[in-house]
PDB file of N, CA and C in Angstrom:
ATOM      1  N   MET A   1      -2.165  -9.260   9.734  1.00  0.00           N
ATOM      2  CA  MET A   1      -2.303  -8.623   8.451  1.00  0.00           C
ATOM      3  C   MET A   1      -1.668  -7.927   8.391  1.00  0.00           C
ATOM      4  N   LYS A   2      -1.183  -8.017   6.948  1.00  0.00           N
ATOM      5  CA  LYS A   2      -0.606  -6.286   6.522  1.00  0.00           C
ATOM      6  C   LYS A   2      -1.394  -4.677   6.795  1.00  0.00           C
ATOM      7  N   THR A   3      -0.503  -4.080   7.097  1.00  0.00           N
ATOM      8  CA  THR A   3      -0.875  -2.618   7.092  1.00  0.00           C
ATOM      9  C   THR A   3      -2.030  -2.287   5.969  1.00  0.00           C
ATOM     10  N   SER A   4      -1.427  -2.439   5.455  1.00  0.00           N
ATOM     11  CA  SER A   4      -2.100  -2.002   3.948  1.00  0.00           C
ATOM     12  C   SER A   4      -3.399  -2.522   4.340  1.00  0.00           C
ATOM     13  N   ASP A   5      -3.742  -3.522   4.005  1.00  0.00           N
ATOM     14  CA  ASP A   5      -4.721  -4.544   3.780  1.00  0.00           C
ATOM     15  C   ASP A   5      -5.781  -4.202   4.944  1.00  0.00           C
ATOM     16  N   HIS A   6      -5.332  -3.771   6.494  1.00  0.00           N
ATOM     17  CA  HIS A   6      -6.015  -3.623   7.201  1.00  0.00           C
ATOM     18  C   HIS A   6      -6.511  -1.852   7.175  1.00  0.00           C
ATOM     19  N   ILE A   7      -5.846  -0.863   6.501  1.00  0.00           N
ATOM     20  CA  ILE A   7      -6.271   0.066   6.146  1.00  0.00           C
ATOM     21  C   ILE A   7      -7.692  -0.447   4.968  1.00  0.00           C
ATOM     22  N   LEU A   8      -7.343  -1.087   4.170  1.00  0.00           N
ATOM     23  CA  LEU A   8      -8.375  -1.324   2.980  1.00  0.00           C
ATOM     24  C   LEU A   8      -9.526  -1.924   3.833  1.00  0.00           C
ATOM     25  N   ASN A   9      -9.463  -3.045   4.563  1.00  0.00           N
ATOM     26  CA  ASN A   9     -10.530  -3.365   5.816  1.00  0.00           C
ATOM     27  C   ASN A   9     -11.488  -2.530   6.346  1.00  0.00           C
ATOM     28  N   PHE A  10     -10.672  -1.517   6.854  1.00  0.00           N
ATOM     29  CA  PHE A  10     -10.747  -0.922   7.457  1.00  0.00           C
ATOM     30  C   PHE A  10     -12.456   0.344   7.111  1.00  0.00           C
ATOM     31  N   GLY A  11     -11.560   1.008   5.613  1.00  0.00           N
ATOM     32  CA  GLY A  11     -11.661   1.142   4.123  1.00  0.00           C
ATOM     33  C   GLY A  11     -13.172   0.604   4.134  1.00  0.00           C
ATOM     34  N   SER A  12     -13.293  -0.242   4.142  1.00  0.00           N
ATOM     35  CA  SER A  12     -14.617  -0.819   3.475  1.00  0.00           C
ATOM     36  C   SER A  12     -16.014  -0.893   4.470  1.00  0.00           C
ATOM     37  N   ASN A  13     -15.504  -0.328   5.951  1.00  0.00           N
ATOM     38  CA  ASN A  13     -16.803  -0.046   6.665  1.00  0.00           C
ATOM     39  C   ASN A  13     -17.675   1.003   6.237  1.00  0.00           C
ATOM     40  N   PHE A  14     -16.807   1.707   5.250  1.00  0.00           N
ATOM     41  CA  PHE A  14     -17.373   3.176   5.176  1.00  0.00           C
ATOM     42  C   PHE A  14     -17.921   3.176   3.379  1.00  0.00           C
ATOM     43  N   ASN A  15     -18.472   1.912   2.995  1.00  0.00           N
ATOM     44  CA  ASN A  15     -18.856   1.645   1.708  1.00  0.00           C
ATOM     45  C   ASN A  15     -19.905   2.598   1.474  1.00  0.00           C
ATOM     46  N   GLU A  16     -21.327   2.044   2.757  1.00  0.00           N
ATOM     47  CA  GLU A  16     -22.210   2.772   2.613  1.00  0.00           C
ATOM     48  C   GLU A  16     -22.536   4.185   3.107  1.00  0.00           C
ATOM     49  N   ARG A  17     -21.567   4.500   3.829  1.00  0.00           N
ATOM     50  CA  ARG A  17     -21.718   6.005   4.364  1.00  0.00           C
ATOM     51  C   ARG A  17     -20.790   7.140   3.833  1.00  0.00           C
ATOM     52  N   LEU A  18     -19.906   6.767   3.302  1.00  0.00           N
ATOM     53  CA  LEU A  18     -19.256   7.746   2.632  1.00  0.00           C
ATOM     54  C   LEU A  18     -19.279   7.464   0.806  1.00  0.00           C
ATOM     55  N   ASP A  19     -19.446   8.602   0.163  1.00  0.00           N
ATOM     56  CA  ASP A  19     -18.847   8.796  -1.305  1.00  0.00           C
ATOM     57  C   ASP A  19     -18.331   7.825  -1.846  1.00  0.00           C
ATOM     58  N   LYS A  20     -19.044   7.210  -2.771  1.00  0.00           N
ATOM     59  CA  LYS A  20     -17.935   5.967  -3.770  1.00  0.00           C
ATOM     60  C   LYS A  20     -16.798   6.721  -3.995  1.00  0.00           C
ATOM     61  N   ALA A  21     -16.794   8.114  -4.834  1.00  0.00           N
ATOM     62  CA  ALA A  21     -15.574   8.645  -5.467  1.00  0.00           C
ATOM     63  C   ALA A  21     -14.744   9.451  -4.082  1.00  0.00           C
ATOM     64  N   SER A  22     -14.982   9.559  -3.242  1.00  0.00           N
ATOM     65  CA  SER A  22     -14.348   9.639  -1.731  1.00  0.00           C
ATOM     66  C   SER A  22     -13.346   8.613  -1.371  1.00  0.00           C
ATOM     67  N   LEU A  23     -14.033   7.555  -1.075  1.00  0.00           N
ATOM     68  CA  LEU A  23     -13.246   6.407  -0.495  1.00  0.00           C
ATOM     69  C   LEU A  23     -12.644   5.927  -1.584  1.00  0.00           C
ATOM     70  N   SER A  24     -12.546   5.139  -2.666  1.00  0.00           N
ATOM     71  CA  SER A  24     -12.042   5.060  -3.904  1.00  0.00           C
ATOM     72  C   SER A  24     -10.896   5.910  -4.104  1.00  0.00           C
ATOM     73  N   PHE A  25     -10.590   7.181  -3.580  1.00  0.00           N
ATOM     74  CA  PHE A  25      -9.631   8.085  -4.155  1.00  0.00           C
ATOM     75  C   PHE A  25      -8.981   7.982  -2.441  1.00  0.00           C
ATOM     76  N   ALA A  26      -9.047   7.971  -1.517  1.00  0.00           N
ATOM     77  CA  ALA A  26      -8.171   7.029  -0.497  1.00  0.00           C
ATOM     78  C   ALA A  26      -8.075   5.883  -0.687  1.00  0.00           C
ATOM     79  N   MET A  27      -8.410   5.312  -0.780  1.00  0.00           N
ATOM     80  CA  MET A  27      -7.982   3.691  -0.573  1.00  0.00           C
ATOM     81  C   MET A  27      -6.623   3.414  -1.742  1.00  0.00           C
ATOM     82  N   ASP A  28      -7.243   4.434  -2.628  1.00  0.00           N
ATOM     83  CA  ASP A  28      -6.365   4.698  -3.588  1.00  0.00           C
ATOM     84  C   ASP A  28      -4.741   4.590  -3.255  1.00  0.00           C
ATOM     85  N   TYR A  29      -4.341   5.427  -2.419  1.00  0.00           N
ATOM     86  CA  TYR A  29      -2.873   5.861  -1.933  1.00  0.00           C
ATOM     87  C   TYR A  29      -2.578   4.282  -1.325  1.00  0.00           C
ATOM     88  N   VAL A  30      -3.140   3.762  -0.687  1.00  0.00           N
ATOM     89  CA  VAL A  30      -2.825   2.348  -0.539  1.00  0.00           C
ATOM     90  C   VAL A  30      -2.104   1.179  -1.393  1.00  0.00           C
ATOM     91  N   ASN A  31      -2.773   1.458  -2.481  1.00  0.00           N
ATOM     92  CA  ASN A  31      -1.949   1.065  -4.064  1.00  0.00           C
ATOM     93  C   ASN A  31      -0.897   1.480  -4.189  1.00  0.00           C
ATOM     94  N   ARG A  32      -0.871   2.220  -4.227  1.00  0.00           N
ATOM     95  CA  ARG A  32       0.297   3.426  -4.525  1.00  0.00           C
ATOM     96  C   ARG A  32       1.297   3.495  -3.231  1.00  0.00           C
ATOM     97  N   GLY A  33       1.480   2.368  -2.181  1.00  0.00           N
ATOM     98  CA  GLY A  33       2.004   2.225  -1.172  1.00  0.00           C
ATOM     99  C   GLY A  33       2.173   3.644  -0.279  1.00  0.00           C
ATOM    100  N   GLU A  34       1.662   4.385  -0.099  1.00  0.00           N
ATOM    101  CA  GLU A  34       0.937   5.528   0.639  1.00  0.00           C
ATOM    102  C   GLU A  34      -0.165   5.227   1.689  1.00  0.00           C
ATOM    103  N   ASN A  35       0.748   4.400   2.856  1.00  0.00           N
ATOM    104  CA  ASN A  35      -0.598   4.089   3.836  1.00  0.00           C
ATOM    105  C   ASN A  35      -0.638   5.023   4.993  1.00  0.00           C
ATOM    106  N   SER A  36      -0.075   6.229   5.248  1.00  0.00           N
ATOM    107  CA  SER A  36      -0.315   6.933   5.873  1.00  0.00           C
ATOM    108  C   SER A  36      -1.262   8.093   5.360  1.00  0.00           C
ATOM    109  N   VAL A  37      -0.782   8.485   4.174  1.00  0.00           N
ATOM    110  CA  VAL A  37      -1.410   9.275   3.092  1.00  0.00           C
ATOM    111  C   VAL A  37      -3.278   8.640   3.731  1.00  0.00           C
ATOM    112  N   ALA A  38      -3.707   7.697   3.077  1.00  0.00           N
ATOM    113  CA  ALA A  38      -4.312   7.053   3.075  1.00  0.00           C
ATOM    114  C   ALA A  38      -5.553   7.142   4.037  1.00  0.00           C
ATOM    115  N   LEU A  39      -4.597   6.813   4.978  1.00  0.00           N
ATOM    116  CA  LEU A  39      -5.606   6.734   6.471  1.00  0.00           C
ATOM    117  C   LEU A  39      -5.460   8.506   6.842  1.00  0.00           C
ATOM    118  N   ASP A  40      -4.584   9.500   6.469  1.00  0.00           N
ATOM    119  CA  ASP A  40      -5.006  10.686   6.503  1.00  0.00           C
ATOM    120  C   ASP A  40      -6.213  11.061   6.084  1.00  0.00           C
ATOM    121  N   THR A  41      -6.245  10.830   4.782  1.00  0.00           N
ATOM    122  CA  THR A  41      -7.502  11.199   3.711  1.00  0.00           C
ATOM    123  C   THR A  41      -9.022  10.286   4.043  1.00  0.00           C
ATOM    124  N   LEU A  42      -8.938   9.359   4.379  1.00  0.00           N
ATOM    125  CA  LEU A  42     -10.018   8.793   4.637  1.00  0.00           C
ATOM    126  C   LEU A  42     -10.363   9.406   6.180  1.00  0.00           C
ATOM    127  N   PHE A  43      -9.671   9.873   6.976  1.00  0.00           N
ATOM    128  CA  PHE A  43     -10.081  10.627   8.156  1.00  0.00           C
ATOM    129  C   PHE A  43     -10.707  12.050   7.605  1.00  0.00           C
ATOM    130  N   GLU A  44     -10.217  12.382   7.024  1.00  0.00           N
ATOM    131  CA  GLU A  44     -10.577  13.719   6.515  1.00  0.00           C
ATOM    132  C   GLU A  44     -11.994  14.132   6.362  1.00  0.00           C
ATOM    133  N   TYR A  45     -11.756  13.157   4.639  1.00  0.00           N
ATOM    134  CA  TYR A  45     -13.552  13.042   4.512  1.00  0.00           C
ATOM    135  C   TYR A  45     -14.015  12.349   5.366  1.00  0.00           C
ATOM    136  N   LEU A  46     -14.009  11.353   6.081  1.00  0.00           N
ATOM    137  CA  LEU A  46     -15.118  11.099   7.223  1.00  0.00           C
ATOM    138  C   LEU A  46     -15.662  12.146   8.013  1.00  0.00           C
ATOM    139  N   TYR A  47     -14.551  12.791   8.785  1.00  0.00           N
ATOM    140  CA  TYR A  47     -14.814  13.842   9.117  1.00  0.00           C
ATOM    141  C   TYR A  47     -15.574  15.640   8.427  1.00  0.00           C
ATOM    142  N   GLU A  48     -15.047  15.588   7.458  1.00  0.00           N
ATOM    143  CA  GLU A  48     -15.647  16.574   6.226  1.00  0.00           C
ATOM    144  C   GLU A  48     -17.283  16.129   5.852  1.00  0.00           C
ATOM    145  N   ASN A  49     -17.459  14.998   6.115  1.00  0.00           N
ATOM    146  CA  ASN A  49     -18.585  14.538   5.497  1.00  0.00           C
ATOM    147  C   ASN A  49     -19.587  14.178   6.673  1.00  0.00           C
ATOM    148  N   GLU A  50     -19.249  14.401   7.930  1.00  0.00           N
ATOM    149  CA  GLU A  50     -20.016  14.436   8.990  1.00  0.00           C
ATOM    150  C   GLU A  50     -20.349  12.646   9.409  1.00  0.00           C
ATOM    151  N   VAL A  51     -19.422  11.941   8.547  1.00  0.00           N
ATOM    152  CA  VAL A  51     -20.109  10.406   8.554  1.00  0.00           C
ATOM    153  C   VAL A  51     -19.904   9.956  10.028  1.00  0.00           C
ATOM    154  N   SER A  52     -20.761   9.439  10.943  1.00  0.00           N
ATOM    155  CA  SER A  52     -20.894   8.722  12.058  1.00  0.00           C
ATOM    156  C   SER A  52     -19.748   7.673  11.820  1.00  0.00           C
ATOM    157  N   ILE A  53     -19.484   7.585  13.387  1.00  0.00           N
ATOM    158  CA  ILE A  53     -19.023   5.986  13.728  1.00  0.00           C
ATOM    159  C   ILE A  53     -18.809   5.594  14.780  1.00  0.00           C
ATOM    160  N   THR A  54     -18.712   3.919  14.977  1.00  0.00           N
ATOM    161  CA  THR A  54     -19.045   3.680  15.840  1.00  0.00           C
ATOM    162  C   THR A  54     -17.674   3.448  16.994  1.00  0.00           C
ATOM    163  N   ALA A  55     -17.946   3.334  18.393  1.00  0.00           N
ATOM    164  CA  ALA A  55     -16.332   3.708  18.946  1.00  0.00           C
ATOM    165  C   ALA A  55     -15.505   2.465  18.609  1.00  0.00           C
ATOM    166  N   ASP A  56     -16.160   1.275  18.327  1.00  0.00           N
ATOM    167  CA  ASP A  56     -15.111   0.245  17.925  1.00  0.00           C
ATOM    168  C   ASP A  56     -14.411   1.050  17.117  1.00  0.00           C
ATOM    169  N   GLU A  57     -15.011   1.387  15.848  1.00  0.00           N
ATOM    170  CA  GLU A  57     -14.298   1.881  14.521  1.00  0.00           C
ATOM    171  C   GLU A  57     -13.228   3.030  15.466  1.00  0.00           C
ATOM    172  N   PHE A  58     -13.782   3.801  15.901  1.00  0.00           N
ATOM    173  CA  PHE A  58     -12.876   4.764  16.670  1.00  0.00           C
ATOM    174  C   PHE A  58     -11.528   4.444  17.236  1.00  0.00           C
ATOM    175  N   ASP A  59     -11.669   3.070  17.705  1.00  0.00           N
ATOM    176  CA  ASP A  59     -11.140   2.217  18.446  1.00  0.00           C
ATOM    177  C   ASP A  59      -9.742   2.035  17.690  1.00  0.00           C
ATOM    178  N   GLU A  60     -10.207   1.389  16.466  1.00  0.00           N
ATOM    179  CA  GLU A  60      -9.188   0.844  14.830  1.00  0.00           C
ATOM    180  C   GLU A  60      -9.026   1.700  14.651  1.00  0.00           C
ATOM    181  N   ALA A  61      -9.592   2.665  14.233  1.00  0.00           N
ATOM    182  CA  ALA A  61      -8.725   4.263  13.544  1.00  0.00           C
ATOM    183  C   ALA A  61      -7.222   4.683  14.491  1.00  0.00           C
ATOM    184  N   ILE A  62      -7.645   4.479  15.671  1.00  0.00           N
ATOM    185  CA  ILE A  62      -6.167   4.899  17.121  1.00  0.00           C
ATOM    186  C   ILE A  62      -5.655   3.450  16.806  1.00  0.00           C
ATOM    187  N   LEU A  63      -5.535   2.370  16.098  1.00  0.00           N
ATOM    188  CA  LEU A  63      -4.999   1.609  16.287  1.00  0.00           C
ATOM    189  C   LEU A  63      -4.073   1.558  15.155  1.00  0.00           C
ATOM    190  N   LEU A  64      -4.630   2.111  13.954  1.00  0.00           N
ATOM    191  CA  LEU A  64      -3.898   1.711  12.669  1.00  0.00           C
ATOM    192  C   LEU A  64      -3.252   3.008  12.971  1.00  0.00           C
ATOM    193  N   ALA A  65      -2.869   4.375  13.729  1.00  0.00           N
ATOM    194  CA  ALA A  65      -2.824   5.581  13.430  1.00  0.00           C
ATOM    195  C   ALA A  65      -1.441   5.387  14.188  1.00  0.00           C
ATOM    196  N   LYS A  66      -1.597   4.454  15.054  1.00  0.00           N
ATOM    197  CA  LYS A  66      -0.085   3.646  16.276  1.00  0.00           C
ATOM    198  C   LYS A  66       0.329   3.062  14.733  1.00  0.00           C
ATOM    199  N   LYS A  67       0.111   2.485  14.409  1.00  0.00           N
ATOM    200  CA  LYS A  67       0.659   1.338  13.442  1.00  0.00           C
ATOM    201  C   LYS A  67       2.125   2.407  12.462  1.00  0.00           C
ATOM    202  N   LEU A  68       1.335   3.559  12.279  1.00  0.00           N
ATOM    203  CA  LEU A  68       1.742   4.452  11.241  1.00  0.00           C
ATOM    204  C   LEU A  68       2.385   5.405  12.006  1.00  0.00           C
ATOM    205  N   ASN A  69       2.287   5.347  13.685  1.00  0.00           N
ATOM    206  CA  ASN A  69       3.414   6.295  14.253  1.00  0.00           C
ATOM    207  C   ASN A  69       2.003   7.378  14.357  1.00  0.00           C
ATOM    208  N   ILE A  70       1.338   8.070  13.785  1.00  0.00           N
ATOM    209  CA  ILE A  70       0.732   8.974  14.110  1.00  0.00           C
ATOM    210  C   ILE A  70      -0.300   9.158  15.858  1.00  0.00           C
ATOM    211  N   SER A  71      -0.145  10.005  16.088  1.00  0.00           N
ATOM    212  CA  SER A  71       0.055  10.090  17.417  1.00  0.00           C
ATOM    213  C   SER A  71      -2.000  10.266  17.561  1.00  0.00           C
ATOM    214  N   GLU A  72      -2.219   9.624  18.738  1.00  0.00           N
ATOM    215  CA  GLU A  72      -3.255   9.523  18.950  1.00  0.00           C
ATOM    216  C   GLU A  72      -3.910  11.038  18.699  1.00  0.00           C
ATOM    217  N   ASP A  73      -3.375  11.802  20.113  1.00  0.00           N
ATOM    218  CA  ASP A  73      -3.800  13.259  19.693  1.00  0.00           C
ATOM    219  C   ASP A  73      -4.193  13.589  18.255  1.00  0.00           C
ATOM    220  N   ASP A  74      -3.777  13.144  17.384  1.00  0.00           N
ATOM    221  CA  ASP A  74      -3.731  13.933  16.506  1.00  0.00           C
ATOM    222  C   ASP A  74      -5.488  13.699  15.606  1.00  0.00           C
ATOM    223  N   LEU A  75      -5.897  12.866  16.261  1.00  0.00           N
ATOM    224  CA  LEU A  75      -7.584  11.774  15.722  1.00  0.00           C
ATOM    225  C   LEU A  75      -8.243  12.320  16.523  1.00  0.00           C
ATOM    226  N   ALA A  76      -8.125  13.396  17.945  1.00  0.00           N
ATOM    227  CA  ALA A  76      -9.058  13.903  18.651  1.00  0.00           C
ATOM    228  C   ALA A  76     -10.160  14.490  18.158  1.00  0.00           C
ATOM    229  N   TYR A  77      -9.955  15.214  17.018  1.00  0.00           N
ATOM    230  CA  TYR A  77     -11.191  15.026  16.187  1.00  0.00           C
ATOM    231  C   TYR A  77     -12.130  14.187  15.625  1.00  0.00           C
ATOM    232  N   LEU A  78     -11.962  13.186  15.451  1.00  0.00           N
ATOM    233  CA  LEU A  78     -12.250  11.875  15.447  1.00  0.00           C
ATOM    234  C   LEU A  78     -13.511  11.833  16.234  1.00  0.00           C
ATOM    235  N   ARG A  79     -13.322  12.058  17.704  1.00  0.00           N
ATOM    236  CA  ARG A  79     -14.279  11.848  18.854  1.00  0.00           C
ATOM    237  C   ARG A  79     -15.630  12.390  18.671  1.00  0.00           C
ATOM    238  N   GLU A  80     -15.468  13.502  17.664  1.00  0.00           N
ATOM    239  CA  GLU A  80     -16.924  13.755  17.565  1.00  0.00           C
ATOM    240  C   GLU A  80     -17.923  13.046  16.720  1.00  0.00           C
ATOM    241  N   LEU A  81     -17.361  12.274  15.797  1.00  0.00           N
ATOM    242  CA  LEU A  81     -17.873  11.670  15.226  1.00  0.00           C
ATOM    243  C   LEU A  81     -18.830  10.234  15.856  1.00  0.00           C
ATOM    244  N   ILE A  82     -18.275  10.026  17.069  1.00  0.00           N
ATOM    245  CA  ILE A  82     -18.685   9.549  17.591  1.00  0.00           C
ATOM    246  C   ILE A  82     -20.196   9.196  17.719  1.00  0.00           C
ATOM    247  N   ALA A  83     -20.875   8.119  16.978  1.00  0.00           N
ATOM    248  CA  ALA A  83     -22.403   8.208  16.940  1.00  0.00           C
ATOM    249  C   ALA A  83     -22.870   7.712  19.038  1.00  0.00           C
ATOM    250  N   GLU A  84     -24.114   8.191  18.856  1.00  0.00           N
ATOM    251  CA  GLU A  84     -24.379   7.965  20.925  1.00  0.00           C
ATOM    252  C   GLU A  84     -24.980   6.693  20.346  1.00  0.00           C
ATOM    253  N   SER A  85     -25.341   5.695  21.756  1.00  0.00           N
ATOM    254  CA  SER A  85     -25.592   4.701  21.595  1.00  0.00           C
ATOM    255  C   SER A  85     -26.865   4.837  22.095  1.00  0.00           C
TER     256      SER A  85
END
């Protein structure tokens, strides 16, 4: 799967948890070829809106970040969003 498709697919996980305008704004960067900006924007919106994520979603976020040469340490703040099972 292409990285851009992977980001769009990952973003679709948040259709019901993040407002439509924010999600659309973040994913629009993918359409402009700005995958890193799209992912960073999505992560920021999730954090700012305190959107709960699963441990699997966190793992996928780390995988996507690695594909884009983003350090896992830069995503430590997302751990706060992992919902307790």
